[in-house]
mmCIF file of all heavy atoms, coordinates in Angstrom:
data_MODEL
# 
_entry.id   MODEL 
# 
loop_
_atom_site.group_PDB 
_atom_site.id 
_atom_site.type_symbol 
_atom_site.label_atom_id 
_atom_site.label_alt_id 
_atom_site.label_comp_id 
_atom_site.label_asym_id 
_atom_site.label_entity_id 
_atom_site.label_seq_id 
_atom_site.pdbx_PDB_ins_code 
_atom_site.Cartn_x 
_atom_site.Cartn_y 
_atom_site.Cartn_z 
_atom_site.occupancy 
_atom_site.B_iso_or_equiv 
_atom_site.pdbx_formal_charge 
_atom_site.auth_seq_id 
_atom_site.auth_comp_id 
_atom_site.auth_asym_id 
_atom_site.auth_atom_id 
_atom_site.pdbx_PDB_model_num 
ATOM 1   N N   . GLY A 1 1  ? -0.126  -21.809 34.958 1.00 0.00 ? 1  GLY A N   1 
ATOM 2   C CA  . GLY A 1 1  ? -0.785  -22.649 35.910 1.00 0.00 ? 1  GLY A CA  1 
ATOM 3   C C   . GLY A 1 1  ? -1.767  -23.510 35.239 1.00 0.00 ? 1  GLY A C   1 
ATOM 4   O O   . GLY A 1 1  ? -2.153  -23.243 34.075 1.00 0.00 ? 1  GLY A O   1 
ATOM 5   N N   . GLU A 1 2  ? -2.272  -24.489 35.970 1.00 0.00 ? 2  GLU A N   1 
ATOM 6   C CA  . GLU A 1 2  ? -3.451  -25.303 35.412 1.00 0.00 ? 2  GLU A CA  1 
ATOM 7   C C   . GLU A 1 2  ? -4.690  -24.552 35.441 1.00 0.00 ? 2  GLU A C   1 
ATOM 8   O O   . GLU A 1 2  ? -4.736  -23.373 35.959 1.00 0.00 ? 2  GLU A O   1 
ATOM 9   C CB  . GLU A 1 2  ? -3.561  -26.581 36.237 1.00 0.00 ? 2  GLU A CB  1 
ATOM 10  C CG  . GLU A 1 2  ? -2.270  -27.458 36.136 1.00 0.00 ? 2  GLU A CG  1 
ATOM 11  C CD  . GLU A 1 2  ? -2.476  -28.762 36.915 1.00 0.00 ? 2  GLU A CD  1 
ATOM 12  O OE1 . GLU A 1 2  ? -3.550  -28.949 37.473 1.00 0.00 ? 2  GLU A OE1 1 
ATOM 13  O OE2 . GLU A 1 2  ? -1.557  -29.503 37.037 1.00 0.00 ? 2  GLU A OE2 1 
ATOM 14  N N   . SER A 1 3  ? -5.734  -25.063 35.011 1.00 0.00 ? 3  SER A N   1 
ATOM 15  C CA  . SER A 1 3  ? -7.144  -24.464 35.062 1.00 0.00 ? 3  SER A CA  1 
ATOM 16  C C   . SER A 1 3  ? -7.480  -24.121 36.409 1.00 0.00 ? 3  SER A C   1 
ATOM 17  O O   . SER A 1 3  ? -7.329  -24.869 37.340 1.00 0.00 ? 3  SER A O   1 
ATOM 18  C CB  . SER A 1 3  ? -8.060  -25.276 34.505 1.00 0.00 ? 3  SER A CB  1 
ATOM 19  O OG  . SER A 1 3  ? -9.359  -24.688 34.508 1.00 0.00 ? 3  SER A OG  1 
ATOM 20  N N   . ILE A 1 4  ? -7.660  -22.736 36.671 1.00 0.00 ? 4  ILE A N   1 
ATOM 21  C CA  . ILE A 1 4  ? -7.898  -22.289 38.001 1.00 0.00 ? 4  ILE A CA  1 
ATOM 22  C C   . ILE A 1 4  ? -9.483  -21.888 38.244 1.00 0.00 ? 4  ILE A C   1 
ATOM 23  O O   . ILE A 1 4  ? -9.998  -21.189 37.383 1.00 0.00 ? 4  ILE A O   1 
ATOM 24  C CB  . ILE A 1 4  ? -7.022  -21.073 38.312 1.00 0.00 ? 4  ILE A CB  1 
ATOM 25  C CG1 . ILE A 1 4  ? -5.635  -21.437 38.209 1.00 0.00 ? 4  ILE A CG1 1 
ATOM 26  C CG2 . ILE A 1 4  ? -7.280  -20.554 39.703 1.00 0.00 ? 4  ILE A CG2 1 
ATOM 27  C CD1 . ILE A 1 4  ? -4.653  -20.311 38.312 1.00 0.00 ? 4  ILE A CD1 1 
ATOM 28  N N   . SER A 1 5  ? -10.052 -22.307 39.208 1.00 0.00 ? 5  SER A N   1 
ATOM 29  C CA  . SER A 1 5  ? -11.326 -22.024 39.504 1.00 0.00 ? 5  SER A CA  1 
ATOM 30  C C   . SER A 1 5  ? -11.440 -20.981 40.584 1.00 0.00 ? 5  SER A C   1 
ATOM 31  O O   . SER A 1 5  ? -10.449 -20.709 41.264 1.00 0.00 ? 5  SER A O   1 
ATOM 32  C CB  . SER A 1 5  ? -12.202 -23.302 40.037 1.00 0.00 ? 5  SER A CB  1 
ATOM 33  O OG  . SER A 1 5  ? -11.687 -23.661 41.278 1.00 0.00 ? 5  SER A OG  1 
ATOM 34  N N   . TYR A 1 6  ? -12.690 -20.356 40.831 1.00 0.00 ? 6  TYR A N   1 
ATOM 35  C CA  . TYR A 1 6  ? -12.946 -19.470 41.799 1.00 0.00 ? 6  TYR A CA  1 
ATOM 36  C C   . TYR A 1 6  ? -12.667 -20.038 43.176 1.00 0.00 ? 6  TYR A C   1 
ATOM 37  O O   . TYR A 1 6  ? -12.192 -19.383 44.218 1.00 0.00 ? 6  TYR A O   1 
ATOM 38  C CB  . TYR A 1 6  ? -14.206 -18.839 41.706 1.00 0.00 ? 6  TYR A CB  1 
ATOM 39  C CG  . TYR A 1 6  ? -14.407 -17.944 40.636 1.00 0.00 ? 6  TYR A CG  1 
ATOM 40  C CD1 . TYR A 1 6  ? -15.348 -18.109 39.596 1.00 0.00 ? 6  TYR A CD1 1 
ATOM 41  C CD2 . TYR A 1 6  ? -13.637 -16.747 40.427 1.00 0.00 ? 6  TYR A CD2 1 
ATOM 42  C CE1 . TYR A 1 6  ? -15.579 -17.286 38.538 1.00 0.00 ? 6  TYR A CE1 1 
ATOM 43  C CE2 . TYR A 1 6  ? -13.769 -15.941 39.439 1.00 0.00 ? 6  TYR A CE2 1 
ATOM 44  C CZ  . TYR A 1 6  ? -14.806 -16.170 38.349 1.00 0.00 ? 6  TYR A CZ  1 
ATOM 45  O OH  . TYR A 1 6  ? -14.790 -15.333 37.331 1.00 0.00 ? 6  TYR A OH  1 
ATOM 46  N N   . THR A 1 7  ? -12.901 -21.352 43.363 1.00 0.00 ? 7  THR A N   1 
ATOM 47  C CA  . THR A 1 7  ? -12.625 -22.045 44.620 1.00 0.00 ? 7  THR A CA  1 
ATOM 48  C C   . THR A 1 7  ? -11.099 -21.914 45.020 1.00 0.00 ? 7  THR A C   1 
ATOM 49  O O   . THR A 1 7  ? -10.847 -21.782 46.211 1.00 0.00 ? 7  THR A O   1 
ATOM 50  C CB  . THR A 1 7  ? -13.023 -23.543 44.458 1.00 0.00 ? 7  THR A CB  1 
ATOM 51  O OG1 . THR A 1 7  ? -14.362 -23.644 44.262 1.00 0.00 ? 7  THR A OG1 1 
ATOM 52  C CG2 . THR A 1 7  ? -12.692 -24.167 45.956 1.00 0.00 ? 7  THR A CG2 1 
ATOM 53  N N   . ASP A 1 8  ? -10.193 -22.021 44.008 1.00 0.00 ? 8  ASP A N   1 
ATOM 54  C CA  . ASP A 1 8  ? -8.771  -21.933 44.281 1.00 0.00 ? 8  ASP A CA  1 
ATOM 55  C C   . ASP A 1 8  ? -8.481  -20.570 44.752 1.00 0.00 ? 8  ASP A C   1 
ATOM 56  O O   . ASP A 1 8  ? -7.516  -20.409 45.624 1.00 0.00 ? 8  ASP A O   1 
ATOM 57  C CB  . ASP A 1 8  ? -8.019  -22.217 43.024 1.00 0.00 ? 8  ASP A CB  1 
ATOM 58  C CG  . ASP A 1 8  ? -8.253  -23.619 42.490 1.00 0.00 ? 8  ASP A CG  1 
ATOM 59  O OD1 . ASP A 1 8  ? -8.425  -24.612 43.358 1.00 0.00 ? 8  ASP A OD1 1 
ATOM 60  O OD2 . ASP A 1 8  ? -8.450  -23.876 41.248 1.00 0.00 ? 8  ASP A OD2 1 
ATOM 61  N N   . ILE A 1 9  ? -9.123  -19.471 44.221 1.00 0.00 ? 9  ILE A N   1 
ATOM 62  C CA  . ILE A 1 9  ? -8.573  -18.109 44.358 1.00 0.00 ? 9  ILE A CA  1 
ATOM 63  C C   . ILE A 1 9  ? -9.335  -17.556 45.787 1.00 0.00 ? 9  ILE A C   1 
ATOM 64  O O   . ILE A 1 9  ? -8.665  -16.998 46.607 1.00 0.00 ? 9  ILE A O   1 
ATOM 65  C CB  . ILE A 1 9  ? -8.917  -17.216 43.222 1.00 0.00 ? 9  ILE A CB  1 
ATOM 66  C CG1 . ILE A 1 9  ? -8.270  -17.681 42.073 1.00 0.00 ? 9  ILE A CG1 1 
ATOM 67  C CG2 . ILE A 1 9  ? -8.630  -15.771 43.632 1.00 0.00 ? 9  ILE A CG2 1 
ATOM 68  C CD1 . ILE A 1 9  ? -8.763  -16.982 40.769 1.00 0.00 ? 9  ILE A CD1 1 
ATOM 69  N N   . PHE A 1 10 ? -10.653 -17.779 45.860 1.00 0.00 ? 10 PHE A N   1 
ATOM 70  C CA  . PHE A 1 10 ? -11.404 -17.224 46.936 1.00 0.00 ? 10 PHE A CA  1 
ATOM 71  C C   . PHE A 1 10 ? -11.388 -18.231 48.149 1.00 0.00 ? 10 PHE A C   1 
ATOM 72  O O   . PHE A 1 10 ? -12.497 -18.838 48.428 1.00 0.00 ? 10 PHE A O   1 
ATOM 73  C CB  . PHE A 1 10 ? -12.860 -16.827 46.462 1.00 0.00 ? 10 PHE A CB  1 
ATOM 74  C CG  . PHE A 1 10 ? -12.730 -15.858 45.247 1.00 0.00 ? 10 PHE A CG  1 
ATOM 75  C CD1 . PHE A 1 10 ? -13.536 -16.104 44.153 1.00 0.00 ? 10 PHE A CD1 1 
ATOM 76  C CD2 . PHE A 1 10 ? -11.993 -14.752 45.305 1.00 0.00 ? 10 PHE A CD2 1 
ATOM 77  C CE1 . PHE A 1 10 ? -13.509 -15.223 43.125 1.00 0.00 ? 10 PHE A CE1 1 
ATOM 78  C CE2 . PHE A 1 10 ? -11.947 -13.938 44.267 1.00 0.00 ? 10 PHE A CE2 1 
ATOM 79  C CZ  . PHE A 1 10 ? -12.651 -14.232 43.166 1.00 0.00 ? 10 PHE A CZ  1 
ATOM 80  N N   . SER A 1 11 ? -10.351 -18.206 48.753 1.00 0.00 ? 11 SER A N   1 
ATOM 81  C CA  . SER A 1 11 ? -10.284 -19.167 49.824 1.00 0.00 ? 11 SER A CA  1 
ATOM 82  C C   . SER A 1 11 ? -8.960  -18.709 50.724 1.00 0.00 ? 11 SER A C   1 
ATOM 83  O O   . SER A 1 11 ? -7.957  -18.274 50.179 1.00 0.00 ? 11 SER A O   1 
ATOM 84  C CB  . SER A 1 11 ? -9.905  -20.653 49.353 1.00 0.00 ? 11 SER A CB  1 
ATOM 85  O OG  . SER A 1 11 ? -9.542  -21.494 50.521 1.00 0.00 ? 11 SER A OG  1 
ATOM 86  N N   . GLU A 1 12 ? -9.141  -18.864 52.148 1.00 0.00 ? 12 GLU A N   1 
ATOM 87  C CA  . GLU A 1 12 ? -8.068  -18.435 52.973 1.00 0.00 ? 12 GLU A CA  1 
ATOM 88  C C   . GLU A 1 12 ? -7.196  -19.686 53.114 1.00 0.00 ? 12 GLU A C   1 
ATOM 89  O O   . GLU A 1 12 ? -6.109  -19.566 53.814 1.00 0.00 ? 12 GLU A O   1 
ATOM 90  C CB  . GLU A 1 12 ? -8.601  -18.055 54.221 1.00 0.00 ? 12 GLU A CB  1 
ATOM 91  C CG  . GLU A 1 12 ? -9.298  -16.703 54.002 1.00 0.00 ? 12 GLU A CG  1 
ATOM 92  C CD  . GLU A 1 12 ? -9.501  -16.031 55.508 1.00 0.00 ? 12 GLU A CD  1 
ATOM 93  O OE1 . GLU A 1 12 ? -10.542 -16.447 56.102 1.00 0.00 ? 12 GLU A OE1 1 
ATOM 94  O OE2 . GLU A 1 12 ? -8.856  -15.032 55.845 1.00 0.00 ? 12 GLU A OE2 1 
ATOM 95  N N   . GLN A 1 13 ? -7.521  -20.838 52.648 1.00 0.00 ? 13 GLN A N   1 
ATOM 96  C CA  . GLN A 1 13 ? -6.800  -22.035 52.866 1.00 0.00 ? 13 GLN A CA  1 
ATOM 97  C C   . GLN A 1 13 ? -6.002  -22.313 51.566 1.00 0.00 ? 13 GLN A C   1 
ATOM 98  O O   . GLN A 1 13 ? -6.359  -21.833 50.492 1.00 0.00 ? 13 GLN A O   1 
ATOM 99  C CB  . GLN A 1 13 ? -7.682  -23.214 53.056 1.00 0.00 ? 13 GLN A CB  1 
ATOM 100 C CG  . GLN A 1 13 ? -8.602  -23.030 54.284 1.00 0.00 ? 13 GLN A CG  1 
ATOM 101 C CD  . GLN A 1 13 ? -7.837  -22.818 55.613 1.00 0.00 ? 13 GLN A CD  1 
ATOM 102 O OE1 . GLN A 1 13 ? -6.776  -23.428 55.789 1.00 0.00 ? 13 GLN A OE1 1 
ATOM 103 N NE2 . GLN A 1 13 ? -8.303  -21.802 56.433 1.00 0.00 ? 13 GLN A NE2 1 
ATOM 104 N N   . GLY A 1 14 ? -4.935  -23.068 51.567 1.00 0.00 ? 14 GLY A N   1 
ATOM 105 C CA  . GLY A 1 14 ? -4.285  -23.506 50.471 1.00 0.00 ? 14 GLY A CA  1 
ATOM 106 C C   . GLY A 1 14 ? -3.202  -22.645 49.990 1.00 0.00 ? 14 GLY A C   1 
ATOM 107 O O   . GLY A 1 14 ? -3.071  -21.459 50.445 1.00 0.00 ? 14 GLY A O   1 
ATOM 108 N N   . PRO A 1 15 ? -2.399  -23.063 49.088 1.00 0.00 ? 15 PRO A N   1 
ATOM 109 C CA  . PRO A 1 15 ? -1.240  -22.327 48.594 1.00 0.00 ? 15 PRO A CA  1 
ATOM 110 C C   . PRO A 1 15 ? -1.747  -21.207 47.603 1.00 0.00 ? 15 PRO A C   1 
ATOM 111 O O   . PRO A 1 15 ? -2.827  -21.127 47.077 1.00 0.00 ? 15 PRO A O   1 
ATOM 112 C CB  . PRO A 1 15 ? -0.415  -23.381 47.837 1.00 0.00 ? 15 PRO A CB  1 
ATOM 113 C CG  . PRO A 1 15 ? -1.402  -24.225 47.329 1.00 0.00 ? 15 PRO A CG  1 
ATOM 114 C CD  . PRO A 1 15 ? -2.543  -24.316 48.424 1.00 0.00 ? 15 PRO A CD  1 
ATOM 115 N N   . VAL A 1 16 ? -0.705  -20.224 47.369 1.00 0.00 ? 16 VAL A N   1 
ATOM 116 C CA  . VAL A 1 16 ? -1.007  -19.239 46.391 1.00 0.00 ? 16 VAL A CA  1 
ATOM 117 C C   . VAL A 1 16 ? -1.150  -19.858 45.054 1.00 0.00 ? 16 VAL A C   1 
ATOM 118 O O   . VAL A 1 16 ? -0.393  -20.847 44.677 1.00 0.00 ? 16 VAL A O   1 
ATOM 119 C CB  . VAL A 1 16 ? 0.239   -18.181 46.293 1.00 0.00 ? 16 VAL A CB  1 
ATOM 120 C CG1 . VAL A 1 16 ? 0.068   -17.351 45.104 1.00 0.00 ? 16 VAL A CG1 1 
ATOM 121 C CG2 . VAL A 1 16 ? 0.201   -17.363 47.649 1.00 0.00 ? 16 VAL A CG2 1 
ATOM 122 N N   . VAL A 1 17 ? -2.040  -19.461 44.156 1.00 0.00 ? 17 VAL A N   1 
ATOM 123 C CA  . VAL A 1 17 ? -2.251  -20.179 42.965 1.00 0.00 ? 17 VAL A CA  1 
ATOM 124 C C   . VAL A 1 17 ? -1.452  -19.347 41.790 1.00 0.00 ? 17 VAL A C   1 
ATOM 125 O O   . VAL A 1 17 ? -1.113  -18.164 42.068 1.00 0.00 ? 17 VAL A O   1 
ATOM 126 C CB  . VAL A 1 17 ? -3.843  -20.039 42.523 1.00 0.00 ? 17 VAL A CB  1 
ATOM 127 C CG1 . VAL A 1 17 ? -4.549  -20.860 43.521 1.00 0.00 ? 17 VAL A CG1 1 
ATOM 128 C CG2 . VAL A 1 17 ? -4.343  -18.648 42.367 1.00 0.00 ? 17 VAL A CG2 1 
ATOM 129 N N   . LEU A 1 18 ? -1.218  -20.102 40.758 1.00 0.00 ? 18 LEU A N   1 
ATOM 130 C CA  . LEU A 1 18 ? -0.434  -19.478 39.631 1.00 0.00 ? 18 LEU A CA  1 
ATOM 131 C C   . LEU A 1 18 ? -1.414  -19.127 38.396 1.00 0.00 ? 18 LEU A C   1 
ATOM 132 O O   . LEU A 1 18 ? -2.316  -19.783 38.264 1.00 0.00 ? 18 LEU A O   1 
ATOM 133 C CB  . LEU A 1 18 ? 0.594   -20.379 39.116 1.00 0.00 ? 18 LEU A CB  1 
ATOM 134 C CG  . LEU A 1 18 ? 1.743   -20.752 40.060 1.00 0.00 ? 18 LEU A CG  1 
ATOM 135 C CD1 . LEU A 1 18 ? 2.652   -21.792 39.335 1.00 0.00 ? 18 LEU A CD1 1 
ATOM 136 C CD2 . LEU A 1 18 ? 2.510   -19.602 40.528 1.00 0.00 ? 18 LEU A CD2 1 
ATOM 137 N N   . GLY A 1 19 ? -1.198  -17.962 37.817 1.00 0.00 ? 19 GLY A N   1 
ATOM 138 C CA  . GLY A 1 19 ? -2.079  -17.609 36.740 1.00 0.00 ? 19 GLY A CA  1 
ATOM 139 C C   . GLY A 1 19 ? -1.441  -16.536 35.917 1.00 0.00 ? 19 GLY A C   1 
ATOM 140 O O   . GLY A 1 19 ? -0.608  -15.741 36.420 1.00 0.00 ? 19 GLY A O   1 
ATOM 141 N N   . GLN A 1 20 ? -2.010  -16.454 34.674 1.00 0.00 ? 20 GLN A N   1 
ATOM 142 C CA  . GLN A 1 20 ? -1.444  -15.340 33.755 1.00 0.00 ? 20 GLN A CA  1 
ATOM 143 C C   . GLN A 1 20 ? -2.512  -14.270 33.924 1.00 0.00 ? 20 GLN A C   1 
ATOM 144 O O   . GLN A 1 20 ? -3.462  -14.223 34.781 1.00 0.00 ? 20 GLN A O   1 
ATOM 145 C CB  . GLN A 1 20 ? -1.359  -15.863 32.436 1.00 0.00 ? 20 GLN A CB  1 
ATOM 146 C CG  . GLN A 1 20 ? -0.164  -16.830 32.183 1.00 0.00 ? 20 GLN A CG  1 
ATOM 147 C CD  . GLN A 1 20 ? 0.009   -17.426 30.778 1.00 0.00 ? 20 GLN A CD  1 
ATOM 148 O OE1 . GLN A 1 20 ? -1.036  -17.727 30.130 1.00 0.00 ? 20 GLN A OE1 1 
ATOM 149 N NE2 . GLN A 1 20 ? 1.119   -17.372 30.378 1.00 0.00 ? 20 GLN A NE2 1 
ATOM 150 N N   . CYS A 1 21 ? -2.418  -13.261 33.014 1.00 0.00 ? 21 CYS A N   1 
ATOM 151 C CA  . CYS A 1 21 ? -3.156  -11.946 33.120 1.00 0.00 ? 21 CYS A CA  1 
ATOM 152 C C   . CYS A 1 21 ? -4.625  -12.253 33.123 1.00 0.00 ? 21 CYS A C   1 
ATOM 153 O O   . CYS A 1 21 ? -5.360  -11.592 33.771 1.00 0.00 ? 21 CYS A O   1 
ATOM 154 C CB  . CYS A 1 21 ? -2.795  -11.001 32.041 1.00 0.00 ? 21 CYS A CB  1 
ATOM 155 S SG  . CYS A 1 21 ? -2.903  -11.611 30.442 1.00 0.00 ? 21 CYS A SG  1 
ATOM 156 N N   . GLY A 1 22 ? -5.131  -13.198 32.465 1.00 0.00 ? 22 GLY A N   1 
ATOM 157 C CA  . GLY A 1 22 ? -6.566  -13.489 32.300 1.00 0.00 ? 22 GLY A CA  1 
ATOM 158 C C   . GLY A 1 22 ? -7.106  -13.821 33.648 1.00 0.00 ? 22 GLY A C   1 
ATOM 159 O O   . GLY A 1 22 ? -8.276  -13.578 33.992 1.00 0.00 ? 22 GLY A O   1 
ATOM 160 N N   . VAL A 1 23 ? -6.411  -14.575 34.488 1.00 0.00 ? 23 VAL A N   1 
ATOM 161 C CA  . VAL A 1 23 ? -6.785  -14.993 35.806 1.00 0.00 ? 23 VAL A CA  1 
ATOM 162 C C   . VAL A 1 23 ? -7.018  -13.739 36.707 1.00 0.00 ? 23 VAL A C   1 
ATOM 163 O O   . VAL A 1 23 ? -7.979  -13.677 37.356 1.00 0.00 ? 23 VAL A O   1 
ATOM 164 C CB  . VAL A 1 23 ? -5.775  -15.998 36.408 1.00 0.00 ? 23 VAL A CB  1 
ATOM 165 C CG1 . VAL A 1 23 ? -6.146  -16.425 37.831 1.00 0.00 ? 23 VAL A CG1 1 
ATOM 166 C CG2 . VAL A 1 23 ? -5.752  -17.255 35.627 1.00 0.00 ? 23 VAL A CG2 1 
ATOM 167 N N   . TYR A 1 24 ? -5.979  -12.904 36.763 1.00 0.00 ? 24 TYR A N   1 
ATOM 168 C CA  . TYR A 1 24 ? -6.050  -11.777 37.518 1.00 0.00 ? 24 TYR A CA  1 
ATOM 169 C C   . TYR A 1 24 ? -7.284  -10.905 37.091 1.00 0.00 ? 24 TYR A C   1 
ATOM 170 O O   . TYR A 1 24 ? -8.025  -10.395 37.823 1.00 0.00 ? 24 TYR A O   1 
ATOM 171 C CB  . TYR A 1 24 ? -4.779  -10.801 37.277 1.00 0.00 ? 24 TYR A CB  1 
ATOM 172 C CG  . TYR A 1 24 ? -3.489  -11.304 37.969 1.00 0.00 ? 24 TYR A CG  1 
ATOM 173 C CD1 . TYR A 1 24 ? -2.596  -12.233 37.239 1.00 0.00 ? 24 TYR A CD1 1 
ATOM 174 C CD2 . TYR A 1 24 ? -3.187  -10.923 39.198 1.00 0.00 ? 24 TYR A CD2 1 
ATOM 175 C CE1 . TYR A 1 24 ? -1.392  -12.574 37.849 1.00 0.00 ? 24 TYR A CE1 1 
ATOM 176 C CE2 . TYR A 1 24 ? -2.013  -11.498 39.827 1.00 0.00 ? 24 TYR A CE2 1 
ATOM 177 C CZ  . TYR A 1 24 ? -1.119  -12.213 39.075 1.00 0.00 ? 24 TYR A CZ  1 
ATOM 178 O OH  . TYR A 1 24 ? 0.057   -12.620 39.709 1.00 0.00 ? 24 TYR A OH  1 
# 
């Protein structure tokens, strides 16, 4: 996935984000 911010993850809106182990 592209660079993911906390805004992308901590939201009830928007699609599921893609990330590797470091994001999790």
